[in-house]
Amino acid sequence: MQRTPLSPADAEAWLDAAARIAGLEIPAECRAGVVAQLALNHRLVMPLLAFDIPEETLPAPRFIP
């Protein structure tokens, strides 16, 4: 699991792979913004990915309204 900021090259490679799998075509004029958003999303989620949940932790009860 990557715990360092996503490089622009890695973000572009991830975008290309994800777009190919999803069958999306990202217009050239939108690529820079999408790559920047992927890098921002990665920076925001890094602290959550770094949090280790102990093995003995039980799942929260399910809320049924």
PDB file of N, CA and C in Angstrom:
ATOM      1  N   MET A   1       0.841  -1.169   0.000  1.00  0.00           N
ATOM      2  CA  MET A   1       0.000   0.000   0.000  1.00  0.00           C
ATOM      3  C   MET A   1       0.887   1.233   0.000  1.00  0.00           C
ATOM      4  N   GLN A   2       0.615   2.153  -0.909  1.00  0.00           N
ATOM      5  CA  GLN A   2       1.448   3.341  -1.045  1.00  0.00           C
ATOM      6  C   GLN A   2       1.089   4.355   0.031  1.00  0.00           C
ATOM      7  N   ARG A   3       2.086   4.784   0.812  1.00  0.00           N
ATOM      8  CA  ARG A   3       1.846   5.746   1.890  1.00  0.00           C
ATOM      9  C   ARG A   3       2.545   7.074   1.622  1.00  0.00           C
ATOM     10  N   THR A   4       2.996   7.275   0.410  1.00  0.00           N
ATOM     11  CA  THR A   4       3.621   8.536   0.031  1.00  0.00           C
ATOM     12  C   THR A   4       2.691   9.233  -0.954  1.00  0.00           C
ATOM     13  N   PRO A   5       2.838  10.560  -1.100  1.00  0.00           N
ATOM     14  CA  PRO A   5       1.976  11.263  -2.055  1.00  0.00           C
ATOM     15  C   PRO A   5       2.073  10.656  -3.449  1.00  0.00           C
ATOM     16  N   LEU A   6       0.982  10.701  -4.139  1.00  0.00           N
ATOM     17  CA  LEU A   6       0.897  10.157  -5.493  1.00  0.00           C
ATOM     18  C   LEU A   6       1.607  11.107  -6.451  1.00  0.00           C
ATOM     19  N   SER A   7       2.574  10.607  -7.190  1.00  0.00           N
ATOM     20  CA  SER A   7       3.274  11.459  -8.152  1.00  0.00           C
ATOM     21  C   SER A   7       2.352  11.731  -9.334  1.00  0.00           C
ATOM     22  N   PRO A   8       2.575  12.824 -10.051  1.00  0.00           N
ATOM     23  CA  PRO A   8       1.748  13.095 -11.237  1.00  0.00           C
ATOM     24  C   PRO A   8       1.802  11.947 -12.259  1.00  0.00           C
ATOM     25  N   ALA A   9       2.968  11.329 -12.406  1.00  0.00           N
ATOM     26  CA  ALA A   9       3.082  10.212 -13.350  1.00  0.00           C
ATOM     27  C   ALA A   9       2.251   9.017 -12.888  1.00  0.00           C
ATOM     28  N   ASP A  10       2.273   8.730 -11.578  1.00  0.00           N
ATOM     29  CA  ASP A  10       1.466   7.633 -11.045  1.00  0.00           C
ATOM     30  C   ASP A  10      -0.024   7.933 -11.175  1.00  0.00           C
ATOM     31  N   ALA A  11      -0.405   9.183 -10.928  1.00  0.00           N
ATOM     32  CA  ALA A  11      -1.813   9.574 -11.054  1.00  0.00           C
ATOM     33  C   ALA A  11      -2.279   9.424 -12.500  1.00  0.00           C
ATOM     34  N   GLU A  12      -1.440   9.805 -13.441  1.00  0.00           N
ATOM     35  CA  GLU A  12      -1.800   9.656 -14.861  1.00  0.00           C
ATOM     36  C   GLU A  12      -1.910   8.190 -15.250  1.00  0.00           C
ATOM     37  N   ALA A  13      -0.989   7.372 -14.758  1.00  0.00           N
ATOM     38  CA  ALA A  13      -1.044   5.940 -15.056  1.00  0.00           C
ATOM     39  C   ALA A  13      -2.307   5.321 -14.457  1.00  0.00           C
ATOM     40  N   TRP A  14      -2.648   5.715 -13.231  1.00  0.00           N
ATOM     41  CA  TRP A  14      -3.864   5.209 -12.589  1.00  0.00           C
ATOM     42  C   TRP A  14      -5.087   5.646 -13.379  1.00  0.00           C
ATOM     43  N   LEU A  15      -5.119   6.906 -13.806  1.00  0.00           N
ATOM     44  CA  LEU A  15      -6.238   7.415 -14.598  1.00  0.00           C
ATOM     45  C   LEU A  15      -6.389   6.629 -15.888  1.00  0.00           C
ATOM     46  N   ASP A  16      -5.289   6.403 -16.587  1.00  0.00           N
ATOM     47  CA  ASP A  16      -5.348   5.646 -17.845  1.00  0.00           C
ATOM     48  C   ASP A  16      -5.896   4.244 -17.624  1.00  0.00           C
ATOM     49  N   ALA A  17      -5.408   3.564 -16.580  1.00  0.00           N
ATOM     50  CA  ALA A  17      -5.858   2.199 -16.307  1.00  0.00           C
ATOM     51  C   ALA A  17      -7.333   2.174 -15.902  1.00  0.00           C
ATOM     52  N   ALA A  18      -7.739   3.073 -15.009  1.00  0.00           N
ATOM     53  CA  ALA A  18      -9.127   3.096 -14.546  1.00  0.00           C
ATOM     54  C   ALA A  18     -10.085   3.461 -15.681  1.00  0.00           C
ATOM     55  N   ALA A  19      -9.704   4.422 -16.501  1.00  0.00           N
ATOM     56  CA  ALA A  19     -10.556   4.821 -17.625  1.00  0.00           C
ATOM     57  C   ALA A  19     -10.708   3.675 -18.618  1.00  0.00           C
ATOM     58  N   ARG A  20      -9.620   2.954 -18.857  1.00  0.00           N
ATOM     59  CA  ARG A  20      -9.673   1.818 -19.788  1.00  0.00           C
ATOM     60  C   ARG A  20     -10.604   0.731 -19.241  1.00  0.00           C
ATOM     61  N   ILE A  21     -10.485   0.428 -17.961  1.00  0.00           N
ATOM     62  CA  ILE A  21     -11.328  -0.606 -17.351  1.00  0.00           C
ATOM     63  C   ILE A  21     -12.795  -0.186 -17.368  1.00  0.00           C
ATOM     64  N   ALA A  22     -13.064   1.104 -17.073  1.00  0.00           N
ATOM     65  CA  ALA A  22     -14.443   1.590 -17.013  1.00  0.00           C
ATOM     66  C   ALA A  22     -15.007   1.922 -18.384  1.00  0.00           C
ATOM     67  N   GLY A  23     -14.156   1.893 -19.405  1.00  0.00           N
ATOM     68  CA  GLY A  23     -14.616   2.212 -20.751  1.00  0.00           C
ATOM     69  C   GLY A  23     -14.892   3.702 -20.937  1.00  0.00           C
ATOM     70  N   LEU A  24     -14.151   4.546 -20.207  1.00  0.00           N
ATOM     71  CA  LEU A  24     -14.331   5.987 -20.293  1.00  0.00           C
ATOM     72  C   LEU A  24     -13.250   6.615 -21.143  1.00  0.00           C
ATOM     73  N   GLU A  25     -13.611   7.692 -21.810  1.00  0.00           N
ATOM     74  CA  GLU A  25     -12.619   8.475 -22.535  1.00  0.00           C
ATOM     75  C   GLU A  25     -12.556   9.839 -21.862  1.00  0.00           C
ATOM     76  N   ILE A  26     -11.404  10.177 -21.320  1.00  0.00           N
ATOM     77  CA  ILE A  26     -11.226  11.454 -20.634  1.00  0.00           C
ATOM     78  C   ILE A  26     -10.725  12.469 -21.662  1.00  0.00           C
ATOM     79  N   PRO A  27     -11.502  13.525 -21.917  1.00  0.00           N
ATOM     80  CA  PRO A  27     -11.059  14.532 -22.894  1.00  0.00           C
ATOM     81  C   PRO A  27      -9.736  15.173 -22.465  1.00  0.00           C
ATOM     82  N   ALA A  28      -8.918  15.512 -23.429  1.00  0.00           N
ATOM     83  CA  ALA A  28      -7.595  16.085 -23.153  1.00  0.00           C
ATOM     84  C   ALA A  28      -7.686  17.329 -22.277  1.00  0.00           C
ATOM     85  N   GLU A  29      -8.707  18.156 -22.492  1.00  0.00           N
ATOM     86  CA  GLU A  29      -8.828  19.392 -21.714  1.00  0.00           C
ATOM     87  C   GLU A  29      -9.240  19.132 -20.265  1.00  0.00           C
ATOM     88  N   CYS A  30      -9.664  17.907 -19.936  1.00  0.00           N
ATOM     89  CA  CYS A  30     -10.075  17.562 -18.565  1.00  0.00           C
ATOM     90  C   CYS A  30      -9.015  16.762 -17.811  1.00  0.00           C
ATOM     91  N   ARG A  31      -8.026  16.238 -18.519  1.00  0.00           N
ATOM     92  CA  ARG A  31      -7.048  15.331 -17.899  1.00  0.00           C
ATOM     93  C   ARG A  31      -6.316  15.947 -16.713  1.00  0.00           C
ATOM     94  N   ALA A  32      -5.843  17.169 -16.867  1.00  0.00           N
ATOM     95  CA  ALA A  32      -5.066  17.795 -15.784  1.00  0.00           C
ATOM     96  C   ALA A  32      -5.912  17.928 -14.519  1.00  0.00           C
ATOM     97  N   GLY A  33      -7.162  18.305 -14.666  1.00  0.00           N
ATOM     98  CA  GLY A  33      -8.040  18.434 -13.514  1.00  0.00           C
ATOM     99  C   GLY A  33      -8.339  17.100 -12.857  1.00  0.00           C
ATOM    100  N   VAL A  34      -8.550  16.063 -13.668  1.00  0.00           N
ATOM    101  CA  VAL A  34      -8.830  14.731 -13.121  1.00  0.00           C
ATOM    102  C   VAL A  34      -7.593  14.182 -12.410  1.00  0.00           C
ATOM    103  N   VAL A  35      -6.433  14.367 -12.988  1.00  0.00           N
ATOM    104  CA  VAL A  35      -5.186  13.914 -12.352  1.00  0.00           C
ATOM    105  C   VAL A  35      -4.975  14.651 -11.029  1.00  0.00           C
ATOM    106  N   ALA A  36      -5.225  15.958 -11.012  1.00  0.00           N
ATOM    107  CA  ALA A  36      -5.079  16.732  -9.770  1.00  0.00           C
ATOM    108  C   ALA A  36      -6.067  16.235  -8.715  1.00  0.00           C
ATOM    109  N   GLN A  37      -7.287  15.917  -9.119  1.00  0.00           N
ATOM    110  CA  GLN A  37      -8.280  15.425  -8.168  1.00  0.00           C
ATOM    111  C   GLN A  37      -7.883  14.052  -7.618  1.00  0.00           C
ATOM    112  N   LEU A  38      -7.350  13.183  -8.463  1.00  0.00           N
ATOM    113  CA  LEU A  38      -6.884  11.877  -7.982  1.00  0.00           C
ATOM    114  C   LEU A  38      -5.776  12.039  -6.947  1.00  0.00           C
ATOM    115  N   ALA A  39      -4.849  12.941  -7.209  1.00  0.00           N
ATOM    116  CA  ALA A  39      -3.752  13.173  -6.268  1.00  0.00           C
ATOM    117  C   ALA A  39      -4.293  13.739  -4.948  1.00  0.00           C
ATOM    118  N   LEU A  40      -5.258  14.656  -5.018  1.00  0.00           N
ATOM    119  CA  LEU A  40      -5.858  15.211  -3.807  1.00  0.00           C
ATOM    120  C   LEU A  40      -6.596  14.124  -3.030  1.00  0.00           C
ATOM    121  N   ASN A  41      -7.384  13.310  -3.718  1.00  0.00           N
ATOM    122  CA  ASN A  41      -8.104  12.215  -3.056  1.00  0.00           C
ATOM    123  C   ASN A  41      -7.129  11.289  -2.342  1.00  0.00           C
ATOM    124  N   HIS A  42      -6.011  10.997  -2.986  1.00  0.00           N
ATOM    125  CA  HIS A  42      -5.006  10.118  -2.392  1.00  0.00           C
ATOM    126  C   HIS A  42      -4.434  10.729  -1.119  1.00  0.00           C
ATOM    127  N   ARG A  43      -4.129  12.035  -1.166  1.00  0.00           N
ATOM    128  CA  ARG A  43      -3.593  12.705   0.031  1.00  0.00           C
ATOM    129  C   ARG A  43      -4.616  12.699   1.169  1.00  0.00           C
ATOM    130  N   LEU A  44      -5.897  12.852   0.846  1.00  0.00           N
ATOM    131  CA  LEU A  44      -6.930  12.881   1.878  1.00  0.00           C
ATOM    132  C   LEU A  44      -7.130  11.523   2.538  1.00  0.00           C
ATOM    133  N   VAL A  45      -6.976  10.444   1.781  1.00  0.00           N
ATOM    134  CA  VAL A  45      -7.255   9.112   2.320  1.00  0.00           C
ATOM    135  C   VAL A  45      -6.028   8.469   2.976  1.00  0.00           C
ATOM    136  N   MET A  46      -4.845   9.007   2.758  1.00  0.00           N
ATOM    137  CA  MET A  46      -3.626   8.416   3.325  1.00  0.00           C
ATOM    138  C   MET A  46      -3.693   8.215   4.839  1.00  0.00           C
ATOM    139  N   PRO A  47      -4.185   9.184   5.638  1.00  0.00           N
ATOM    140  CA  PRO A  47      -4.259   8.939   7.086  1.00  0.00           C
ATOM    141  C   PRO A  47      -5.196   7.783   7.442  1.00  0.00           C
ATOM    142  N   LEU A  48      -6.265   7.606   6.700  1.00  0.00           N
ATOM    143  CA  LEU A  48      -7.173   6.492   6.965  1.00  0.00           C
ATOM    144  C   LEU A  48      -6.519   5.156   6.643  1.00  0.00           C
ATOM    145  N   LEU A  49      -5.770   5.114   5.565  1.00  0.00           N
ATOM    146  CA  LEU A  49      -5.096   3.873   5.183  1.00  0.00           C
ATOM    147  C   LEU A  49      -3.984   3.517   6.166  1.00  0.00           C
ATOM    148  N   ALA A  50      -3.429   4.522   6.825  1.00  0.00           N
ATOM    149  CA  ALA A  50      -2.339   4.277   7.772  1.00  0.00           C
ATOM    150  C   ALA A  50      -2.848   3.772   9.123  1.00  0.00           C
ATOM    151  N   PHE A  51      -4.151   3.887   9.372  1.00  0.00           N
ATOM    152  CA  PHE A  51      -4.720   3.470  10.646  1.00  0.00           C
ATOM    153  C   PHE A  51      -4.883   1.961  10.664  1.00  0.00           C
ATOM    154  N   ASP A  52      -4.211   1.307  11.618  1.00  0.00           N
ATOM    155  CA  ASP A  52      -4.313  -0.146  11.736  1.00  0.00           C
ATOM    156  C   ASP A  52      -5.432  -0.512  12.696  1.00  0.00           C
ATOM    157  N   ILE A  53      -6.336  -1.359  12.242  1.00  0.00           N
ATOM    158  CA  ILE A  53      -7.431  -1.833  13.082  1.00  0.00           C
ATOM    159  C   ILE A  53      -6.978  -3.138  13.730  1.00  0.00           C
ATOM    160  N   PRO A  54      -7.033  -3.206  15.060  1.00  0.00           N
ATOM    161  CA  PRO A  54      -6.607  -4.433  15.744  1.00  0.00           C
ATOM    162  C   PRO A  54      -7.459  -5.635  15.315  1.00  0.00           C
ATOM    163  N   GLU A  55      -6.856  -6.801  15.274  1.00  0.00           N
ATOM    164  CA  GLU A  55      -7.533  -8.034  14.867  1.00  0.00           C
ATOM    165  C   GLU A  55      -8.781  -8.322  15.692  1.00  0.00           C
ATOM    166  N   GLU A  56      -8.736  -8.007  16.995  1.00  0.00           N
ATOM    167  CA  GLU A  56      -9.854  -8.354  17.874  1.00  0.00           C
ATOM    168  C   GLU A  56     -11.019  -7.362  17.780  1.00  0.00           C
ATOM    169  N   THR A  57     -10.913  -6.346  16.930  1.00  0.00           N
ATOM    170  CA  THR A  57     -11.978  -5.351  16.784  1.00  0.00           C
ATOM    171  C   THR A  57     -13.198  -5.982  16.120  1.00  0.00           C
ATOM    172  N   LEU A  58     -14.342  -5.783  16.745  1.00  0.00           N
ATOM    173  CA  LEU A  58     -15.594  -6.304  16.197  1.00  0.00           C
ATOM    174  C   LEU A  58     -16.252  -5.247  15.315  1.00  0.00           C
ATOM    175  N   PRO A  59     -17.007  -5.668  14.317  1.00  0.00           N
ATOM    176  CA  PRO A  59     -17.691  -4.690  13.478  1.00  0.00           C
ATOM    177  C   PRO A  59     -18.797  -3.986  14.280  1.00  0.00           C
ATOM    178  N   ALA A  60     -19.136  -2.799  13.851  1.00  0.00           N
ATOM    179  CA  ALA A  60     -20.211  -2.055  14.510  1.00  0.00           C
ATOM    180  C   ALA A  60     -21.537  -2.763  14.238  1.00  0.00           C
ATOM    181  N   PRO A  61     -22.506  -2.619  15.153  1.00  0.00           N
ATOM    182  CA  PRO A  61     -23.810  -3.217  14.914  1.00  0.00           C
ATOM    183  C   PRO A  61     -24.477  -2.558  13.702  1.00  0.00           C
ATOM    184  N   ARG A  62     -25.293  -3.299  13.034  1.00  0.00           N
ATOM    185  CA  ARG A  62     -25.975  -2.791  11.846  1.00  0.00           C
ATOM    186  C   ARG A  62     -27.200  -1.993  12.270  1.00  0.00           C
ATOM    187  N   PHE A  63     -27.333  -0.781  11.715  1.00  0.00           N
ATOM    188  CA  PHE A  63     -28.478   0.064  12.001  1.00  0.00           C
ATOM    189  C   PHE A  63     -29.586  -0.266  11.027  1.00  0.00           C
ATOM    190  N   ILE A  64     -30.747  -0.623  11.554  1.00  0.00           N
ATOM    191  CA  ILE A  64     -31.918  -0.902  10.713  1.00  0.00           C
ATOM    192  C   ILE A  64     -33.028   0.044  11.179  1.00  0.00           C
ATOM    193  N   PRO A  65     -33.389   1.026  10.362  1.00  0.00           N
ATOM    194  CA  PRO A  65     -34.405   2.009  10.773  1.00  0.00           C
ATOM    195  C   PRO A  65     -35.770   1.371  10.955  1.00  0.00           C
TER     196      PRO A  65
END
